[in-house]
């Protein structure tokens, strides 16, 4: 039902910076309400050093440094959802030089299985490092585990390349 009229003898409401003014139907009055949510848990994981990535093999990125982890939900370079809900993840990194004709991509895995549509890839004809970054919202159940993987392929190559220190997996709960 649309509001047709506001009738007050006086109105003196000063909300805090993180609040909005809303209508409390139960009290039949205006009241302040918190805006948004806390977006917790939230975390940021990164690799501490270069990591050898085997040619033509999906390799879990060793994310050995926790930059922050508000809920204590990260261990061994993986995030475990503490509760069901929608989560936003950002991820990616860089694979070291000499990508001439190579294909490099980063993926998210959930509970050990590739998450569809997380292929963040590049086919390069240069020998420069390429930064690959992506983001994705996922609907998780409690105890779902998210990890970051990298893959590189070059038709004329074998051996290993290095994933640089710029590999990251970050996330937060939206709702």
Protein backbone atom coordinates (compact mmCIF):
# COMPACT_ATOMS: atom_id res chain seq x y z
CA UNK A 1 0.00 0.00 0.00
CA UNK A 2 1.54 3.36 -0.96
CA UNK A 3 2.19 5.93 1.71
CA UNK A 4 -0.36 8.70 1.39
CA UNK A 5 0.66 11.03 4.20
CA UNK A 6 3.21 11.49 6.98
CA UNK A 7 1.91 13.34 10.00
CA UNK A 8 4.29 14.19 12.85
CA UNK A 9 4.42 16.99 15.38
CA UNK A 10 8.21 16.81 15.34
CA UNK A 11 10.84 14.68 13.66
CA UNK A 12 14.38 14.53 14.98
CA UNK A 13 16.11 11.38 13.74
CA UNK A 14 19.87 11.28 13.23
CA UNK A 15 20.94 7.85 11.98
CA UNK A 16 24.51 6.63 12.28
CA UNK A 17 26.57 6.46 9.09
CA UNK A 18 25.71 2.78 8.58
CA UNK A 19 21.96 3.15 9.19
CA UNK A 20 18.93 4.12 7.13
CA UNK A 21 15.63 5.57 8.26
CA UNK A 22 12.79 3.10 7.84
CA UNK A 23 9.24 2.54 9.01
CA UNK A 24 8.65 0.16 11.92
CA UNK A 25 5.09 -1.05 11.30
CA UNK A 26 4.82 -2.74 14.70
CA UNK A 27 5.52 0.53 16.51
CA UNK A 28 3.77 2.60 13.83
CA UNK A 29 6.77 4.93 13.79
CA UNK A 30 9.94 5.85 11.93
CA UNK A 31 13.07 4.13 13.19
CA UNK A 32 16.70 3.71 12.20
CA UNK A 33 17.71 0.42 10.64
CA UNK A 34 21.14 -0.99 9.96
CA UNK A 35 22.09 -0.90 6.29
CA UNK A 36 23.44 -3.98 4.55
CA UNK A 37 25.09 -6.75 6.50
CA UNK A 38 28.43 -7.55 7.99
CA UNK A 39 29.61 -9.63 5.00
CA UNK A 40 31.28 -12.09 7.31
CA UNK A 41 33.02 -14.34 7.09
CA UNK A 42 35.54 -12.80 4.71
CA UNK A 43 39.08 -13.83 3.88
CA UNK A 44 42.09 -13.37 1.61
CA UNK A 45 44.57 -16.14 0.80
CA UNK A 46 47.68 -15.82 -1.37
CA UNK A 47 50.65 -17.92 -2.32
CA UNK A 48 53.79 -17.08 -0.38
CA UNK A 49 56.26 -17.92 -3.15
CA UNK A 50 56.55 -19.21 -6.70
CA UNK A 51 55.06 -22.66 -7.23
CA UNK A 52 56.00 -25.14 -9.96
CA UNK A 53 52.98 -25.87 -12.18
CA UNK A 54 53.23 -29.11 -14.17
CA UNK A 55 52.49 -28.90 -17.89
CA UNK A 56 48.96 -30.01 -18.94
CA UNK A 57 47.89 -30.79 -15.38
CA UNK A 58 45.31 -29.14 -13.10
CA UNK A 59 47.34 -28.14 -10.07
CA UNK A 60 46.01 -26.81 -6.79
CA UNK A 61 47.59 -23.43 -6.03
CA UNK A 62 49.39 -23.51 -2.68
CA UNK A 63 47.85 -20.54 -0.88
CA UNK A 64 50.06 -20.59 2.19
CA UNK A 65 49.53 -17.02 3.42
CA UNK A 66 46.35 -15.84 5.11
CA UNK A 67 46.18 -12.07 4.70
CA UNK A 68 43.03 -12.14 6.85
CA UNK A 69 40.38 -14.66 7.86
CA UNK A 70 37.63 -13.12 10.01
CA UNK A 71 35.87 -16.40 10.74
CA UNK A 72 38.82 -18.75 11.06
CA UNK A 73 37.41 -20.73 8.10
CA UNK A 74 40.62 -21.15 6.08
CA UNK A 75 43.13 -23.96 6.42
CA UNK A 76 45.68 -25.50 4.06
CA UNK A 77 44.94 -22.90 1.36
CA UNK A 78 41.22 -23.69 1.25
CA UNK A 79 38.04 -21.96 2.47
CA UNK A 80 35.35 -23.99 4.25
CA UNK A 81 31.89 -22.37 4.37
CA UNK A 82 30.76 -22.16 8.01
CA UNK A 83 27.09 -21.80 7.01
CA UNK A 84 24.84 -22.04 3.98
CA UNK A 85 24.40 -18.92 1.86
CA UNK A 86 25.56 -16.93 -1.12
CA UNK A 87 29.28 -16.17 -1.27
CA UNK A 88 31.28 -13.91 -3.59
CA UNK A 89 34.76 -15.06 -4.60
CA UNK A 90 37.54 -13.29 -6.47
CA UNK A 91 40.44 -15.37 -7.73
CA UNK A 92 43.28 -15.59 -10.16
CA UNK A 93 46.95 -14.97 -10.55
CA UNK A 94 49.82 -14.94 -12.98
CA UNK A 95 51.90 -17.64 -14.60
CA UNK A 96 55.53 -16.72 -15.20
CA UNK A 97 57.04 -15.62 -18.52
CA UNK A 98 57.34 -17.52 -21.80
CA UNK A 99 53.68 -18.15 -22.55
CA UNK A 100 54.39 -18.07 -26.30
CA UNK A 101 51.44 -19.90 -27.80
CA UNK A 102 50.43 -21.29 -24.42
CA UNK A 103 47.07 -21.54 -22.73
CA UNK A 104 46.78 -20.69 -19.04
CA UNK A 105 43.70 -20.77 -16.84
CA UNK A 106 42.57 -20.63 -13.23
CA UNK A 107 39.59 -22.56 -11.86
CA UNK A 108 37.64 -22.82 -8.63
CA UNK A 109 36.96 -26.25 -7.21
CA UNK A 110 34.17 -27.05 -4.74
CA UNK A 111 34.57 -30.17 -2.65
CA UNK A 112 37.26 -31.45 -5.04
CA UNK A 113 35.17 -30.94 -8.21
CA UNK A 114 35.58 -28.25 -10.86
CA UNK A 115 32.98 -25.49 -10.53
CA UNK A 116 31.39 -24.92 -13.97
CA UNK A 117 31.99 -21.52 -15.60
CA UNK A 118 35.02 -20.62 -13.48
CA UNK A 119 37.50 -21.15 -16.31
CA UNK A 120 39.45 -17.91 -16.31
CA UNK A 121 41.83 -18.42 -19.20
CA UNK A 122 44.07 -16.78 -21.75
CA UNK A 123 45.72 -17.94 -24.92
CA UNK A 124 48.81 -15.87 -25.46
CA UNK A 125 51.24 -15.27 -28.26
CA UNK A 126 53.52 -13.13 -26.12
CA UNK A 127 56.28 -13.85 -23.66
CA UNK A 128 54.94 -11.46 -21.04
CA UNK A 129 53.31 -12.39 -17.77
CA UNK A 130 49.55 -12.21 -17.86
CA UNK A 131 47.40 -11.40 -14.86
CA UNK A 132 44.13 -13.34 -14.89
CA UNK A 133 41.42 -12.28 -12.41
CA UNK A 134 37.80 -13.24 -12.06
CA UNK A 135 34.88 -13.21 -9.68
CA UNK A 136 31.91 -15.48 -9.13
CA UNK A 137 28.97 -15.84 -6.74
CA UNK A 138 28.28 -19.34 -5.47
CA UNK A 139 25.44 -20.76 -3.41
CA UNK A 140 27.21 -22.89 -0.78
CA UNK A 141 26.10 -25.33 1.86
CA UNK A 142 27.74 -25.47 5.27
CA UNK A 143 31.09 -27.34 5.06
CA UNK A 144 31.56 -26.83 1.29
CA UNK A 145 35.29 -26.40 0.56
CA UNK A 146 36.58 -23.96 -2.10
CA UNK A 147 40.09 -24.22 -3.57
CA UNK A 148 41.98 -22.53 -6.43
CA UNK A 149 43.57 -24.48 -9.30
CA UNK A 150 45.77 -23.47 -12.24
CA UNK A 151 46.43 -25.16 -15.58
CA UNK A 152 48.86 -24.34 -18.41
CA UNK A 153 49.40 -25.98 -21.76
CA UNK A 154 51.74 -25.31 -24.65
CA UNK A 155 51.83 -27.69 -27.61
CA UNK A 156 55.62 -27.47 -27.82
CA UNK A 157 56.37 -27.51 -24.10
CA UNK A 158 56.83 -29.91 -21.23
CA UNK A 159 58.06 -29.64 -17.67
CA UNK A 160 56.92 -26.86 -15.36
CA UNK A 161 56.23 -23.12 -15.21
CA UNK A 162 56.01 -20.96 -12.12
CA UNK A 163 52.85 -19.47 -10.69
CA UNK A 164 53.97 -16.16 -9.20
CA UNK A 165 53.26 -14.66 -5.81
CA UNK A 166 50.23 -12.84 -7.23
CA UNK A 167 47.88 -15.84 -6.96
CA UNK A 168 44.93 -15.12 -4.68
CA UNK A 169 41.62 -16.51 -3.51
CA UNK A 170 39.39 -14.04 -1.66
CA UNK A 171 35.78 -14.26 -0.59
CA UNK A 172 32.96 -13.07 1.60
CA UNK A 173 29.44 -14.13 2.52
CA UNK A 174 26.73 -11.99 0.96
CA UNK A 175 23.59 -13.49 2.47
